[in-house]
């Protein structure tokens, strides 16, 4: 019974991500999600009282999935830019493997509903700790951790967006973008 419920939830989440990516969050009715998932409308509402509940649950599951991928091989003993490159590569691979979910995340994180929420983000906490280490050991410029964090997160979001728009983005482009962010964040005077 539990595996059947998890199976239905996964079908609903997959259908919702696909339809949100295709039509947008606001333009996708729950009846369409239920139909795509192959479940009755009542089944969808058994798991989620409202469409907003479904959206928040999908967001939570998706964030856990992407964070698991990005943080899986993190080794804080490595130099900062080696860690950042690894996290970025994991994000690229996750985005390529989950384009509909990536599109949903980008839509939701720019929506007014998301802006009203206060969700703690494990990636932000890990990134801030790594930034403090990078500043402390001289790898990063003596700027605020918040400034570094915002710059890095903007870069990661842009890479995700570029991959969604062009999944065949060249490795040269991706590496050049990493070199730019590395130059911008480094401690040395030769930027």
C-alpha atoms as a PDB file:
ATOM      1  CA  UNK A   1       0.000   0.000   0.000  1.00  0.00           C
ATOM      2  CA  UNK A   2       2.791   2.451   0.887  1.00  0.00           C
ATOM      3  CA  UNK A   3       4.733   1.701  -2.312  1.00  0.00           C
ATOM      4  CA  UNK A   4       1.522   2.192  -4.305  1.00  0.00           C
ATOM      5  CA  UNK A   5       1.002   5.603  -2.640  1.00  0.00           C
ATOM      6  CA  UNK A   6       4.608   6.595  -3.345  1.00  0.00           C
ATOM      7  CA  UNK A   7       4.157   5.462  -6.933  1.00  0.00           C
ATOM      8  CA  UNK A   8       1.065   7.638  -7.344  1.00  0.00           C
ATOM      9  CA  UNK A   9       2.809  10.605  -5.722  1.00  0.00           C
ATOM     10  CA  UNK A  10       5.734  10.220  -8.111  1.00  0.00           C
ATOM     11  CA  UNK A  11       3.349  10.066 -11.075  1.00  0.00           C
ATOM     12  CA  UNK A  12       1.625  13.234  -9.873  1.00  0.00           C
ATOM     13  CA  UNK A  13       4.943  15.026  -9.300  1.00  0.00           C
ATOM     14  CA  UNK A  14       6.269  13.992 -12.729  1.00  0.00           C
ATOM     15  CA  UNK A  15       3.055  15.065 -14.465  1.00  0.00           C
ATOM     16  CA  UNK A  16       2.981  18.383 -12.583  1.00  0.00           C
ATOM     17  CA  UNK A  17       6.621  19.159 -13.457  1.00  0.00           C
ATOM     18  CA  UNK A  18       6.021  18.312 -17.127  1.00  0.00           C
ATOM     19  CA  UNK A  19       2.870  20.415 -17.373  1.00  0.00           C
ATOM     20  CA  UNK A  20       4.280  23.335 -15.396  1.00  0.00           C
ATOM     21  CA  UNK A  21       7.281  23.312 -17.738  1.00  0.00           C
ATOM     22  CA  UNK A  22       5.036  23.165 -20.817  1.00  0.00           C
ATOM     23  CA  UNK A  23       2.248  25.565 -19.812  1.00  0.00           C
ATOM     24  CA  UNK A  24       3.427  27.481 -16.762  1.00  0.00           C
ATOM     25  CA  UNK A  25       2.321  27.024 -13.179  1.00  0.00           C
ATOM     26  CA  UNK A  26      -0.733  29.292 -13.286  1.00  0.00           C
ATOM     27  CA  UNK A  27      -1.978  27.970 -16.630  1.00  0.00           C
ATOM     28  CA  UNK A  28      -1.981  24.319 -15.552  1.00  0.00           C
ATOM     29  CA  UNK A  29      -5.212  23.057 -13.961  1.00  0.00           C
ATOM     30  CA  UNK A  30      -5.106  20.206 -11.466  1.00  0.00           C
ATOM     31  CA  UNK A  31      -7.470  18.161 -13.651  1.00  0.00           C
ATOM     32  CA  UNK A  32      -4.839  18.210 -16.380  1.00  0.00           C
ATOM     33  CA  UNK A  33      -2.169  17.078 -13.908  1.00  0.00           C
ATOM     34  CA  UNK A  34      -4.366  14.213 -12.695  1.00  0.00           C
ATOM     35  CA  UNK A  35      -5.111  13.144 -16.276  1.00  0.00           C
ATOM     36  CA  UNK A  36      -1.412  13.212 -17.260  1.00  0.00           C
ATOM     37  CA  UNK A  37      -0.542  11.232 -14.099  1.00  0.00           C
ATOM     38  CA  UNK A  38      -3.242   8.674 -14.870  1.00  0.00           C
ATOM     39  CA  UNK A  39      -5.019   9.209 -11.568  1.00  0.00           C
ATOM     40  CA  UNK A  40      -8.479  10.473 -10.674  1.00  0.00           C
ATOM     41  CA  UNK A  41      -8.936  14.100  -9.630  1.00  0.00           C
ATOM     42  CA  UNK A  42     -10.005  12.854  -6.212  1.00  0.00           C
ATOM     43  CA  UNK A  43      -6.740  10.956  -5.871  1.00  0.00           C
ATOM     44  CA  UNK A  44      -4.728  14.114  -6.500  1.00  0.00           C
ATOM     45  CA  UNK A  45      -6.797  15.960  -3.888  1.00  0.00           C
ATOM     46  CA  UNK A  46      -6.407  13.052  -1.476  1.00  0.00           C
ATOM     47  CA  UNK A  47      -2.680  13.827  -1.403  1.00  0.00           C
ATOM     48  CA  UNK A  48      -2.901  17.625  -1.799  1.00  0.00           C
ATOM     49  CA  UNK A  49      -5.781  19.732  -0.488  1.00  0.00           C
ATOM     50  CA  UNK A  50      -5.036  22.532  -2.968  1.00  0.00           C
ATOM     51  CA  UNK A  51      -2.948  23.191  -6.051  1.00  0.00           C
ATOM     52  CA  UNK A  52      -0.701  25.378  -3.872  1.00  0.00           C
ATOM     53  CA  UNK A  53      -0.083  22.394  -1.578  1.00  0.00           C
ATOM     54  CA  UNK A  54       0.958  20.339  -4.617  1.00  0.00           C
ATOM     55  CA  UNK A  55       3.243  23.123  -5.830  1.00  0.00           C
ATOM     56  CA  UNK A  56       4.931  23.495  -2.427  1.00  0.00           C
ATOM     57  CA  UNK A  57       5.349  19.712  -2.117  1.00  0.00           C
ATOM     58  CA  UNK A  58       6.823  19.468  -5.618  1.00  0.00           C
ATOM     59  CA  UNK A  59       9.166  22.339  -4.780  1.00  0.00           C
ATOM     60  CA  UNK A  60      10.279  20.656  -1.559  1.00  0.00           C
ATOM     61  CA  UNK A  61      10.897  17.281  -3.231  1.00  0.00           C
ATOM     62  CA  UNK A  62      12.676  18.934  -6.165  1.00  0.00           C
ATOM     63  CA  UNK A  63      14.948  21.015  -3.914  1.00  0.00           C
ATOM     64  CA  UNK A  64      15.903  17.925  -1.900  1.00  0.00           C
ATOM     65  CA  UNK A  65      16.717  16.115  -5.129  1.00  0.00           C
ATOM     66  CA  UNK A  66      18.843  18.912  -6.577  1.00  0.00           C
ATOM     67  CA  UNK A  67      20.594  19.544  -3.248  1.00  0.00           C
ATOM     68  CA  UNK A  68      21.352  15.851  -2.916  1.00  0.00           C
ATOM     69  CA  UNK A  69      22.939  15.902  -6.365  1.00  0.00           C
ATOM     70  CA  UNK A  70      24.892  19.141  -5.878  1.00  0.00           C
ATOM     71  CA  UNK A  71      26.167  18.298  -2.395  1.00  0.00           C
ATOM     72  CA  UNK A  72      26.731  14.550  -2.873  1.00  0.00           C
ATOM     73  CA  UNK A  73      30.446  14.609  -3.636  1.00  0.00           C
ATOM     74  CA  UNK A  74      31.338  17.732  -1.680  1.00  0.00           C
ATOM     75  CA  UNK A  75      34.762  17.510  -0.059  1.00  0.00           C
ATOM     76  CA  UNK A  76      35.432  20.575   2.045  1.00  0.00           C
ATOM     77  CA  UNK A  77      39.136  19.681   2.202  1.00  0.00           C
ATOM     78  CA  UNK A  78      39.496  20.608  -1.469  1.00  0.00           C
ATOM     79  CA  UNK A  79      40.324  24.164  -2.603  1.00  0.00           C
ATOM     80  CA  UNK A  80      37.270  26.416  -2.908  1.00  0.00           C
ATOM     81  CA  UNK A  81      37.231  26.592  -6.704  1.00  0.00           C
ATOM     82  CA  UNK A  82      37.580  22.806  -7.048  1.00  0.00           C
ATOM     83  CA  UNK A  83      34.531  22.435  -4.803  1.00  0.00           C
ATOM     84  CA  UNK A  84      32.590  25.111  -6.676  1.00  0.00           C
ATOM     85  CA  UNK A  85      33.443  23.516 -10.029  1.00  0.00           C
ATOM     86  CA  UNK A  86      32.243  20.130  -8.766  1.00  0.00           C
ATOM     87  CA  UNK A  87      29.006  21.613  -7.462  1.00  0.00           C
ATOM     88  CA  UNK A  88      28.476  23.388 -10.774  1.00  0.00           C
ATOM     89  CA  UNK A  89      29.105  20.203 -12.767  1.00  0.00           C
ATOM     90  CA  UNK A  90      26.620  18.327 -10.575  1.00  0.00           C
ATOM     91  CA  UNK A  91      24.049  21.087 -11.182  1.00  0.00           C
ATOM     92  CA  UNK A  92      24.629  20.899 -14.931  1.00  0.00           C
ATOM     93  CA  UNK A  93      24.192  17.104 -14.938  1.00  0.00           C
ATOM     94  CA  UNK A  94      21.080  17.308 -12.753  1.00  0.00           C
ATOM     95  CA  UNK A  95      19.541  19.974 -15.001  1.00  0.00           C
ATOM     96  CA  UNK A  96      20.204  17.926 -18.135  1.00  0.00           C
ATOM     97  CA  UNK A  97      18.656  14.853 -16.492  1.00  0.00           C
ATOM     98  CA  UNK A  98      15.647  16.764 -15.082  1.00  0.00           C
ATOM     99  CA  UNK A  99      14.774  19.579 -17.508  1.00  0.00           C
ATOM    100  CA  UNK A 100      11.079  19.782 -16.580  1.00  0.00           C
ATOM    101  CA  UNK A 101      11.797  19.951 -12.870  1.00  0.00           C
ATOM    102  CA  UNK A 102      14.515  22.545 -13.502  1.00  0.00           C
ATOM    103  CA  UNK A 103      12.041  24.675 -15.472  1.00  0.00           C
ATOM    104  CA  UNK A 104       9.497  24.338 -12.666  1.00  0.00           C
ATOM    105  CA  UNK A 105      12.067  25.401 -10.051  1.00  0.00           C
ATOM    106  CA  UNK A 106      13.016  28.456 -12.059  1.00  0.00           C
ATOM    107  CA  UNK A 107       9.356  29.427 -12.510  1.00  0.00           C
ATOM    108  CA  UNK A 108       8.480  28.907  -8.868  1.00  0.00           C
ATOM    109  CA  UNK A 109      11.528  30.687  -7.475  1.00  0.00           C
ATOM    110  CA  UNK A 110      10.623  33.827  -9.429  1.00  0.00           C
ATOM    111  CA  UNK A 111       6.930  33.732  -8.532  1.00  0.00           C
ATOM    112  CA  UNK A 112       5.285  36.017  -5.965  1.00  0.00           C
ATOM    113  CA  UNK A 113       4.297  32.923  -3.936  1.00  0.00           C
ATOM    114  CA  UNK A 114       7.943  31.942  -3.475  1.00  0.00           C
ATOM    115  CA  UNK A 115       8.995  35.474  -2.615  1.00  0.00           C
ATOM    116  CA  UNK A 116       6.504  35.452   0.292  1.00  0.00           C
ATOM    117  CA  UNK A 117       7.894  32.214   1.713  1.00  0.00           C
ATOM    118  CA  UNK A 118      10.854  31.895   4.001  1.00  0.00           C
ATOM    119  CA  UNK A 119      12.499  28.604   3.154  1.00  0.00           C
ATOM    120  CA  UNK A 120      15.875  27.728   4.625  1.00  0.00           C
ATOM    121  CA  UNK A 121      18.187  26.593   1.903  1.00  0.00           C
ATOM    122  CA  UNK A 122      20.811  24.007   2.720  1.00  0.00           C
ATOM    123  CA  UNK A 123      22.840  25.010  -0.339  1.00  0.00           C
ATOM    124  CA  UNK A 124      23.047  28.599   0.900  1.00  0.00           C
ATOM    125  CA  UNK A 125      24.264  27.475   4.316  1.00  0.00           C
ATOM    126  CA  UNK A 126      26.898  25.151   2.836  1.00  0.00           C
ATOM    127  CA  UNK A 127      27.992  27.775   0.335  1.00  0.00           C
ATOM    128  CA  UNK A 128      28.378  30.425   3.042  1.00  0.00           C
ATOM    129  CA  UNK A 129      30.534  28.091   5.143  1.00  0.00           C
ATOM    130  CA  UNK A 130      32.711  27.311   2.122  1.00  0.00           C
ATOM    131  CA  UNK A 131      32.979  31.004   1.268  1.00  0.00           C
ATOM    132  CA  UNK A 132      34.137  31.830   4.783  1.00  0.00           C
ATOM    133  CA  UNK A 133      36.815  29.145   4.447  1.00  0.00           C
ATOM    134  CA  UNK A 134      37.807  30.527   1.036  1.00  0.00           C
ATOM    135  CA  UNK A 135      38.107  34.055   2.400  1.00  0.00           C
ATOM    136  CA  UNK A 136      39.995  32.790   5.441  1.00  0.00           C
ATOM    137  CA  UNK A 137      42.569  30.857   3.421  1.00  0.00           C
ATOM    138  CA  UNK A 138      43.045  33.677   0.908  1.00  0.00           C
ATOM    139  CA  UNK A 139      41.409  32.056  -2.139  1.00  0.00           C
ATOM    140  CA  UNK A 140      38.564  34.583  -2.250  1.00  0.00           C
ATOM    141  CA  UNK A 141      38.635  38.364  -2.224  1.00  0.00           C
ATOM    142  CA  UNK A 142      38.063  40.074   1.119  1.00  0.00           C
ATOM    143  CA  UNK A 143      34.431  40.885   0.388  1.00  0.00           C
ATOM    144  CA  UNK A 144      31.376  39.975   2.419  1.00  0.00           C
ATOM    145  CA  UNK A 145      30.284  36.339   2.339  1.00  0.00           C
ATOM    146  CA  UNK A 146      26.845  37.583   1.303  1.00  0.00           C
ATOM    147  CA  UNK A 147      28.278  39.336  -1.766  1.00  0.00           C
ATOM    148  CA  UNK A 148      30.196  36.212  -2.792  1.00  0.00           C
ATOM    149  CA  UNK A 149      27.141  34.008  -2.143  1.00  0.00           C
ATOM    150  CA  UNK A 150      24.787  36.173  -4.194  1.00  0.00           C
ATOM    151  CA  UNK A 151      27.247  36.304  -7.088  1.00  0.00           C
ATOM    152  CA  UNK A 152      27.775  32.522  -7.060  1.00  0.00           C
ATOM    153  CA  UNK A 153      24.046  31.744  -6.776  1.00  0.00           C
ATOM    154  CA  UNK A 154      23.306  34.122  -9.661  1.00  0.00           C
ATOM    155  CA  UNK A 155      25.944  32.301 -11.728  1.00  0.00           C
ATOM    156  CA  UNK A 156      24.515  28.865 -10.855  1.00  0.00           C
ATOM    157  CA  UNK A 157      20.967  30.019 -11.655  1.00  0.00           C
ATOM    158  CA  UNK A 158      22.135  31.455 -14.973  1.00  0.00           C
ATOM    159  CA  UNK A 159      23.948  28.224 -15.895  1.00  0.00           C
ATOM    160  CA  UNK A 160      20.770  26.289 -15.097  1.00  0.00           C
ATOM    161  CA  UNK A 161      18.734  28.677 -17.265  1.00  0.00           C
ATOM    162  CA  UNK A 162      21.209  28.493 -20.160  1.00  0.00           C
ATOM    163  CA  UNK A 163      21.115  24.680 -20.092  1.00  0.00           C
ATOM    164  CA  UNK A 164      17.311  24.675 -20.056  1.00  0.00           C
ATOM    165  CA  UNK A 165      17.301  26.954 -23.090  1.00  0.00           C
ATOM    166  CA  UNK A 166      20.115  25.112 -24.872  1.00  0.00           C
ATOM    167  CA  UNK A 167      20.808  21.575 -23.587  1.00  0.00           C
ATOM    168  CA  UNK A 168      23.680  21.212 -26.096  1.00  0.00           C
ATOM    169  CA  UNK A 169      25.574  24.169 -24.677  1.00  0.00           C
ATOM    170  CA  UNK A 170      29.246  23.692 -25.453  1.00  0.00           C
ATOM    171  CA  UNK A 171      31.764  22.642 -22.843  1.00  0.00           C
ATOM    172  CA  UNK A 172      33.884  25.600 -23.972  1.00  0.00           C
ATOM    173  CA  UNK A 173      31.081  27.992 -23.064  1.00  0.00           C
ATOM    174  CA  UNK A 174      30.578  26.349 -19.679  1.00  0.00           C
ATOM    175  CA  UNK A 175      34.285  26.399 -18.864  1.00  0.00           C
ATOM    176  CA  UNK A 176      34.645  30.020 -19.995  1.00  0.00           C
ATOM    177  CA  UNK A 177      31.773  31.001 -17.709  1.00  0.00           C
ATOM    178  CA  UNK A 178      33.510  29.270 -14.816  1.00  0.00           C
ATOM    179  CA  UNK A 179      36.769  31.070 -15.555  1.00  0.00           C
ATOM    180  CA  UNK A 180      34.905  34.380 -15.473  1.00  0.00           C
ATOM    181  CA  UNK A 181      33.374  33.703 -12.076  1.00  0.00           C
ATOM    182  CA  UNK A 182      36.708  32.449 -10.756  1.00  0.00           C
ATOM    183  CA  UNK A 183      38.451  35.638 -11.888  1.00  0.00           C
ATOM    184  CA  UNK A 184      35.728  37.774 -10.367  1.00  0.00           C
ATOM    185  CA  UNK A 185      35.946  36.094  -6.954  1.00  0.00           C
ATOM    186  CA  UNK A 186      39.702  35.530  -6.589  1.00  0.00           C
ATOM    187  CA  UNK A 187      41.862  37.265  -4.035  1.00  0.00           C
ATOM    188  CA  UNK A 188      44.718  38.195  -6.365  1.00  0.00           C
ATOM    189  CA  UNK A 189      45.161  41.556  -8.064  1.00  0.00           C
ATOM    190  CA  UNK A 190      45.311  40.059 -11.613  1.00  0.00           C
ATOM    191  CA  UNK A 191      41.622  39.644 -12.243  1.00  0.00           C
END
